[in-house]
Amino acid sequence: ISFDTYVDAPVKPYQSGHGLPADGVMGQYSLAAMNVTADVRLGQLQTNLERVRKLASEDQGARYVMVNIPAAQIEAVEAGRVAQRHTAIVGKIDRQTPILDSRIHEVILNPYWTAPKSIIQKDIIPLMRKDPTYLEKNKIRLFDERTREEVPPESVDWSTDDAVKLMFRQDPGKINAMSSTKINFANPYAVYMHDTPSQGLFNKLMRFDSSGCVRIQNVRDLNVWLLRDTPGWDRQTMEATIASRVNTPIAVTNPVPVHFVYVSAWSTGDGVVHLRDDIYEMDGQAALSIGTNT
């Protein structure tokens, strides 16, 4: 069989429906998706049909944010229509983004970033052992959690894990792990949504690269939408505040519901079925975990 224009024509929409680059090139992910059997796909559709029915039966709110984890995508929905759609980066397989429902109550411009204990132990301490100037280069300061007094990095024994008892706080700025924005909502998992200085990650095919929190592309557009009913926060004021590099917490006047969901198959109004990799293996079929098996 020749891979000619007649073959290329249906391959591109197939790739698009699977969240793959619609380039007509049969790479490893396209081939892996095509090798999933019809029975397995049917099971995926049935599993997700129940998820979608449950979501449809619940009152999500007139305005809400939906984070679909397998799609690594965020939608801002208003009056039943998608007002904005954002590419996202969600949790790694071993640091999964949780399923949750909450309300966005705060947007912080120029946030401080406080490193979670897991990142201190798994990432920062090993980096400090290799490069003692790592904290200084990344504008991360240490504080005693009880007294809030600053602790000099040279006074810490980096050959042990004792540093996890300290607070690691990164100053606002371009290299801050959350860059311009942190979006807060109450939840028991200590996760949040945020901007990132590493914009190139949004171009990756498999966007499962965070430690559980959700990074948002073009987050400033979402900020404006979230703060629509909050007096004094138009786009111009927000941009000027971000440029000032001053840490600025903003209480959202009308907290916006946010839903983190796990839907790996759905259809759109044009009747096209969209399928995604079951990255966290919640669909009950190992063959659907394409990103982890290739």
Protein backbone atom coordinates (compact mmCIF):
# COMPACT_ATOMS: atom_id res chain seq x y z
CA ILE A 1 0.00 0.00 0.00
CA SER A 2 1.35 3.42 -0.97
CA PHE A 3 1.14 6.26 1.56
CA ASP A 4 -0.30 8.73 -0.95
CA THR A 5 -2.68 11.69 -0.68
CA TYR A 6 -5.67 9.32 -0.38
CA VAL A 7 -4.15 7.80 2.76
CA ASP A 8 -2.85 11.12 4.06
CA ALA A 9 -6.31 12.72 3.94
CA PRO A 10 -7.96 10.50 6.61
CA VAL A 11 -4.78 10.19 8.72
CA LYS A 12 -4.71 13.88 9.63
CA PRO A 13 -8.23 14.09 11.13
CA TYR A 14 -7.56 10.78 12.90
CA GLN A 15 -4.48 12.30 14.52
CA SER A 16 -6.38 15.45 15.49
CA GLY A 17 -9.09 13.36 17.13
CA HIS A 18 -6.44 11.67 19.26
CA GLY A 19 -4.77 14.90 20.36
CA LEU A 20 -1.78 14.26 18.08
CA PRO A 21 -0.16 16.71 15.63
CA ALA A 22 -2.20 16.49 12.42
CA ASP A 23 0.88 16.24 10.21
CA GLY A 24 0.13 13.00 8.35
CA VAL A 25 3.39 11.51 9.67
CA MET A 26 2.97 8.02 11.14
CA GLY A 27 5.13 8.43 14.24
CA GLN A 28 5.22 6.13 17.28
CA TYR A 29 2.17 7.66 18.98
CA SER A 30 0.03 7.58 15.83
CA LEU A 31 0.96 3.94 15.22
CA ALA A 32 0.33 3.01 18.85
CA ALA A 33 -3.11 4.67 18.76
CA MET A 34 -4.04 2.83 15.55
CA ASN A 35 -3.01 -0.50 17.07
CA VAL A 36 -5.56 -0.22 19.89
CA THR A 37 -8.34 -2.70 19.04
CA ALA A 38 -11.94 -1.71 18.41
CA ASP A 39 -13.10 -3.67 21.48
CA VAL A 40 -10.73 -1.76 23.74
CA ARG A 41 -11.87 1.55 22.24
CA LEU A 42 -15.50 0.53 22.78
CA GLY A 43 -14.72 -0.13 26.44
CA GLN A 44 -13.07 3.29 26.68
CA LEU A 45 -16.16 4.95 25.20
CA GLN A 46 -18.47 3.13 27.60
CA THR A 47 -16.34 4.04 30.62
CA ASN A 48 -16.24 7.69 29.65
CA LEU A 49 -19.90 7.82 28.71
CA GLU A 50 -20.69 7.18 32.37
CA ARG A 51 -18.27 9.91 33.43
CA VAL A 52 -19.81 12.41 31.02
CA ARG A 53 -23.34 11.48 32.10
CA LYS A 54 -22.39 12.10 35.72
CA LEU A 55 -20.89 15.48 34.86
CA ALA A 56 -23.99 16.40 32.84
CA SER A 57 -26.25 15.54 35.78
CA GLU A 58 -24.42 17.89 38.14
CA ASP A 59 -24.80 21.65 38.38
CA GLN A 60 -21.36 22.92 37.42
CA GLY A 61 -22.33 26.58 37.78
CA ALA A 62 -23.16 29.37 35.32
CA ARG A 63 -19.45 30.18 35.01
CA TYR A 64 -16.86 27.51 35.72
CA VAL A 65 -13.41 26.23 34.85
CA MET A 66 -13.03 22.62 33.70
CA VAL A 67 -9.61 20.95 33.77
CA ASN A 68 -9.58 17.70 31.78
CA ILE A 69 -6.51 15.80 32.95
CA PRO A 70 -6.03 13.24 30.10
CA ALA A 71 -6.52 15.98 27.51
CA ALA A 72 -4.15 18.34 29.39
CA GLN A 73 -6.66 21.05 28.56
CA ILE A 74 -8.58 23.76 30.40
CA GLU A 75 -11.90 25.31 29.42
CA ALA A 76 -13.52 28.43 30.85
CA VAL A 77 -17.25 27.89 30.38
CA GLU A 78 -20.00 30.50 30.56
CA ALA A 79 -23.71 30.06 29.86
CA GLY A 80 -23.07 26.59 28.42
CA ARG A 81 -20.45 27.78 25.91
CA VAL A 82 -16.67 27.56 26.00
CA ALA A 83 -15.41 31.14 26.41
CA GLN A 84 -11.72 30.20 26.50
CA ARG A 85 -9.67 27.08 25.91
CA HIS A 86 -6.13 26.71 27.24
CA THR A 87 -3.39 24.15 26.75
CA ALA A 88 -2.24 22.80 30.11
CA ILE A 89 0.52 20.76 31.71
CA VAL A 90 -0.66 18.31 34.35
CA GLY A 91 0.94 15.86 36.78
CA LYS A 92 3.45 13.17 35.96
CA ILE A 93 2.41 9.54 36.26
CA ASP A 94 4.12 9.32 39.67
CA ARG A 95 2.88 12.77 40.82
CA GLN A 96 -0.68 12.77 39.56
CA THR A 97 -3.04 15.72 39.34
CA PRO A 98 -6.06 14.85 41.54
CA ILE A 99 -9.73 14.79 40.58
CA LEU A 100 -11.48 17.52 42.59
CA ASP A 101 -14.23 20.14 42.79
CA SER A 102 -13.67 23.54 44.40
CA ARG A 103 -14.07 27.30 43.86
CA ILE A 104 -11.40 29.72 42.67
CA HIS A 105 -11.26 32.38 45.37
CA GLU A 106 -7.92 34.08 44.73
CA VAL A 107 -5.61 35.15 41.92
CA ILE A 108 -2.08 36.13 43.00
CA LEU A 109 -0.02 38.23 40.61
CA ASN A 110 3.77 37.96 41.00
CA PRO A 111 3.43 35.13 43.51
CA TYR A 112 6.04 33.81 45.86
CA TRP A 113 6.61 30.10 45.25
CA THR A 114 6.95 27.90 48.29
CA ALA A 115 8.43 24.55 47.35
CA PRO A 116 6.46 21.48 48.52
CA LYS A 117 8.32 19.05 50.79
CA SER A 118 8.30 16.42 48.02
CA ILE A 119 10.10 18.74 45.59
CA ILE A 120 12.59 19.83 48.27
CA GLN A 121 13.51 16.21 48.95
CA LYS A 122 13.34 14.77 45.43
CA ASP A 123 14.64 17.71 43.42
CA ILE A 124 16.18 20.65 45.27
CA ILE A 125 18.40 18.86 47.79
CA PRO A 126 20.05 16.67 45.08
CA LEU A 127 20.55 19.83 42.96
CA MET A 128 22.20 21.62 45.89
CA ARG A 129 24.60 18.70 46.32
CA LYS A 130 25.69 19.16 42.70
CA ASP A 131 25.66 22.98 42.65
CA PRO A 132 25.82 24.87 45.99
CA THR A 133 24.83 28.10 44.17
CA TYR A 134 21.53 26.65 42.90
CA LEU A 135 19.36 28.51 45.45
CA GLU A 136 21.09 31.83 44.82
CA LYS A 137 20.83 31.46 41.04
CA ASN A 138 17.11 30.72 41.30
CA LYS A 139 16.39 33.42 43.92
CA ILE A 140 15.18 30.87 46.46
CA ARG A 141 15.55 31.84 50.11
CA LEU A 142 15.37 29.60 53.18
CA PHE A 143 13.30 30.35 56.27
CA ASP A 144 12.77 28.68 59.62
CA GLU A 145 9.13 27.56 59.50
CA ARG A 146 8.58 28.35 63.19
CA THR A 147 10.33 31.71 63.58
CA ARG A 148 10.14 32.82 59.91
CA GLU A 149 13.75 33.96 60.20
CA GLU A 150 15.93 33.61 57.08
CA VAL A 151 18.46 30.78 57.17
CA PRO A 152 21.79 31.03 55.25
CA PRO A 153 22.14 28.10 52.79
CA GLU A 154 25.77 27.59 53.88
CA SER A 155 24.57 26.74 57.40
CA VAL A 156 22.62 23.71 56.12
CA ASP A 157 24.09 20.20 55.91
CA TRP A 158 23.12 19.28 52.34
CA SER A 159 24.51 15.75 52.70
CA THR A 160 21.36 14.92 54.71
CA ASP A 161 17.64 15.54 54.14
CA ASP A 162 17.40 17.89 57.15
CA ALA A 163 16.61 20.80 54.83
CA VAL A 164 13.04 19.51 54.35
CA LYS A 165 12.32 21.06 57.77
CA LEU A 166 12.89 24.52 56.29
CA MET A 167 10.67 26.67 54.09
CA PHE A 168 12.04 27.21 50.56
CA ARG A 169 10.54 30.41 49.10
CA GLN A 170 11.28 31.77 45.64
CA ASP A 171 10.97 35.53 45.11
CA PRO A 172 8.58 36.90 42.44
CA GLY A 173 10.05 37.43 38.99
CA LYS A 174 10.49 35.99 35.53
CA ILE A 175 12.28 32.85 36.73
CA ASN A 176 9.76 32.16 39.50
CA ALA A 177 8.29 28.67 39.08
CA MET A 178 4.81 30.23 38.79
CA SER A 179 5.96 33.26 36.77
CA SER A 180 3.16 35.87 36.65
CA THR A 181 0.24 34.06 38.29
CA LYS A 182 -0.98 31.64 40.94
CA ILE A 183 -4.67 30.68 41.04
CA ASN A 184 -5.89 29.39 44.40
CA PHE A 185 -8.84 27.18 45.36
CA ALA A 186 -9.39 25.20 48.54
CA ASN A 187 -8.51 21.50 48.29
CA PRO A 188 -6.91 18.81 50.47
CA TYR A 189 -4.14 18.07 47.95
CA ALA A 190 -2.30 21.45 48.15
CA VAL A 191 -2.53 21.87 44.37
CA TYR A 192 -3.22 25.04 42.41
CA MET A 193 -3.05 26.41 38.85
CA HIS A 194 -0.29 28.72 37.69
CA ASP A 195 1.76 30.32 34.96
CA THR A 196 5.23 29.02 34.08
CA PRO A 197 8.48 30.53 32.77
CA SER A 198 8.98 27.39 30.65
CA GLN A 199 6.52 28.18 27.85
CA GLY A 200 8.17 25.70 25.49
CA LEU A 201 6.70 22.79 27.49
CA PHE A 202 3.25 23.59 26.07
CA ASN A 203 4.49 22.48 22.65
CA LYS A 204 5.30 18.97 23.88
CA LEU A 205 3.16 16.11 22.66
CA MET A 206 2.89 14.48 26.09
CA ARG A 207 2.17 17.30 28.55
CA PHE A 208 2.30 15.27 31.79
CA ASP A 209 5.26 16.96 33.39
CA SER A 210 4.24 18.69 36.63
CA SER A 211 4.31 17.63 40.27
CA GLY A 212 0.50 17.64 40.46
CA CYS A 213 -0.32 21.32 39.99
CA VAL A 214 -1.64 22.58 36.64
CA ARG A 215 0.30 25.00 34.43
CA ILE A 216 -1.75 27.16 32.06
CA GLN A 217 -0.77 28.56 28.68
CA ASN A 218 -1.91 32.18 28.12
CA VAL A 219 -2.91 32.37 31.77
CA ARG A 220 -3.37 36.14 31.66
CA ASP A 221 -6.43 35.72 29.44
CA LEU A 222 -7.90 33.42 32.08
CA ASN A 223 -7.01 35.95 34.80
CA VAL A 224 -9.07 38.63 33.07
CA TRP A 225 -12.02 36.23 32.73
CA LEU A 226 -11.84 35.18 36.40
CA LEU A 227 -11.56 38.79 37.62
CA ARG A 228 -14.34 40.13 35.40
CA ASP A 229 -16.58 40.91 38.40
CA THR A 230 -13.74 42.06 40.65
CA PRO A 231 -13.66 45.89 40.66
CA GLY A 232 -10.47 47.58 39.49
CA TRP A 233 -8.93 44.63 37.66
CA ASP A 234 -9.07 45.18 33.92
CA ARG A 235 -6.38 43.90 31.55
CA GLN A 236 -4.36 47.11 31.64
CA THR A 237 -4.20 47.21 35.45
CA MET A 238 -3.26 43.52 35.60
CA GLU A 239 -0.42 43.93 33.10
CA ALA A 240 0.94 46.98 34.92
CA THR A 241 0.88 45.07 38.22
CA ILE A 242 2.71 42.09 36.71
CA ALA A 243 5.34 44.46 35.28
CA SER A 244 5.91 45.92 38.77
CA ARG A 245 7.05 42.50 40.12
CA VAL A 246 5.19 43.28 43.37
CA ASN A 247 3.43 40.33 45.04
CA THR A 248 -0.30 41.13 44.75
CA PRO A 249 -3.04 38.78 46.05
CA ILE A 250 -6.51 39.50 44.62
CA ALA A 251 -9.70 38.09 46.15
CA VAL A 252 -12.12 37.00 43.41
CA THR A 253 -15.41 38.84 44.07
CA ASN A 254 -17.58 35.97 42.85
CA PRO A 255 -15.57 32.76 43.39
CA VAL A 256 -15.64 30.62 40.24
CA PRO A 257 -16.27 26.85 40.46
CA VAL A 258 -13.39 24.70 39.22
CA HIS A 259 -13.62 21.02 38.34
CA PHE A 260 -10.67 18.70 37.73
CA VAL A 261 -12.05 15.74 35.76
CA TYR A 262 -10.73 12.61 34.07
CA VAL A 263 -12.39 12.19 30.67
CA SER A 264 -10.33 10.37 28.03
CA ALA A 265 -13.08 10.10 25.39
CA TRP A 266 -15.80 12.55 24.34
CA SER A 267 -17.61 13.84 21.27
CA THR A 268 -18.03 17.37 19.99
CA GLY A 269 -20.99 19.09 18.36
CA ASP A 270 -19.80 18.15 14.89
CA GLY A 271 -20.10 14.46 15.79
CA VAL A 272 -16.33 13.89 15.99
CA VAL A 273 -15.15 11.49 18.68
CA HIS A 274 -12.03 12.56 20.57
CA LEU A 275 -9.84 9.99 22.33
CA ARG A 276 -6.88 10.52 24.61
CA ASP A 277 -4.19 8.41 26.26
CA ASP A 278 -5.33 6.95 29.59
CA ILE A 279 -2.18 8.36 31.19
CA TYR A 280 -3.10 7.44 34.79
CA GLU A 281 -4.55 4.03 33.84
CA MET A 282 -8.04 4.78 35.16
CA ASP A 283 -9.92 3.25 32.22
CA GLY A 284 -9.10 -0.35 33.11
CA GLN A 285 -7.31 -1.21 29.85
CA ALA A 286 -3.49 -1.26 29.78
CA ALA A 287 -3.52 -0.84 26.00
CA LEU A 288 -4.91 2.70 26.43
CA SER A 289 -1.86 3.91 28.35
CA ILE A 290 -0.10 4.71 25.09
CA GLY A 291 2.25 7.36 26.49
CA THR A 292 3.59 4.97 29.12
CA ASN A 293 3.93 1.99 26.82
CA THR A 294 5.88 3.55 23.95
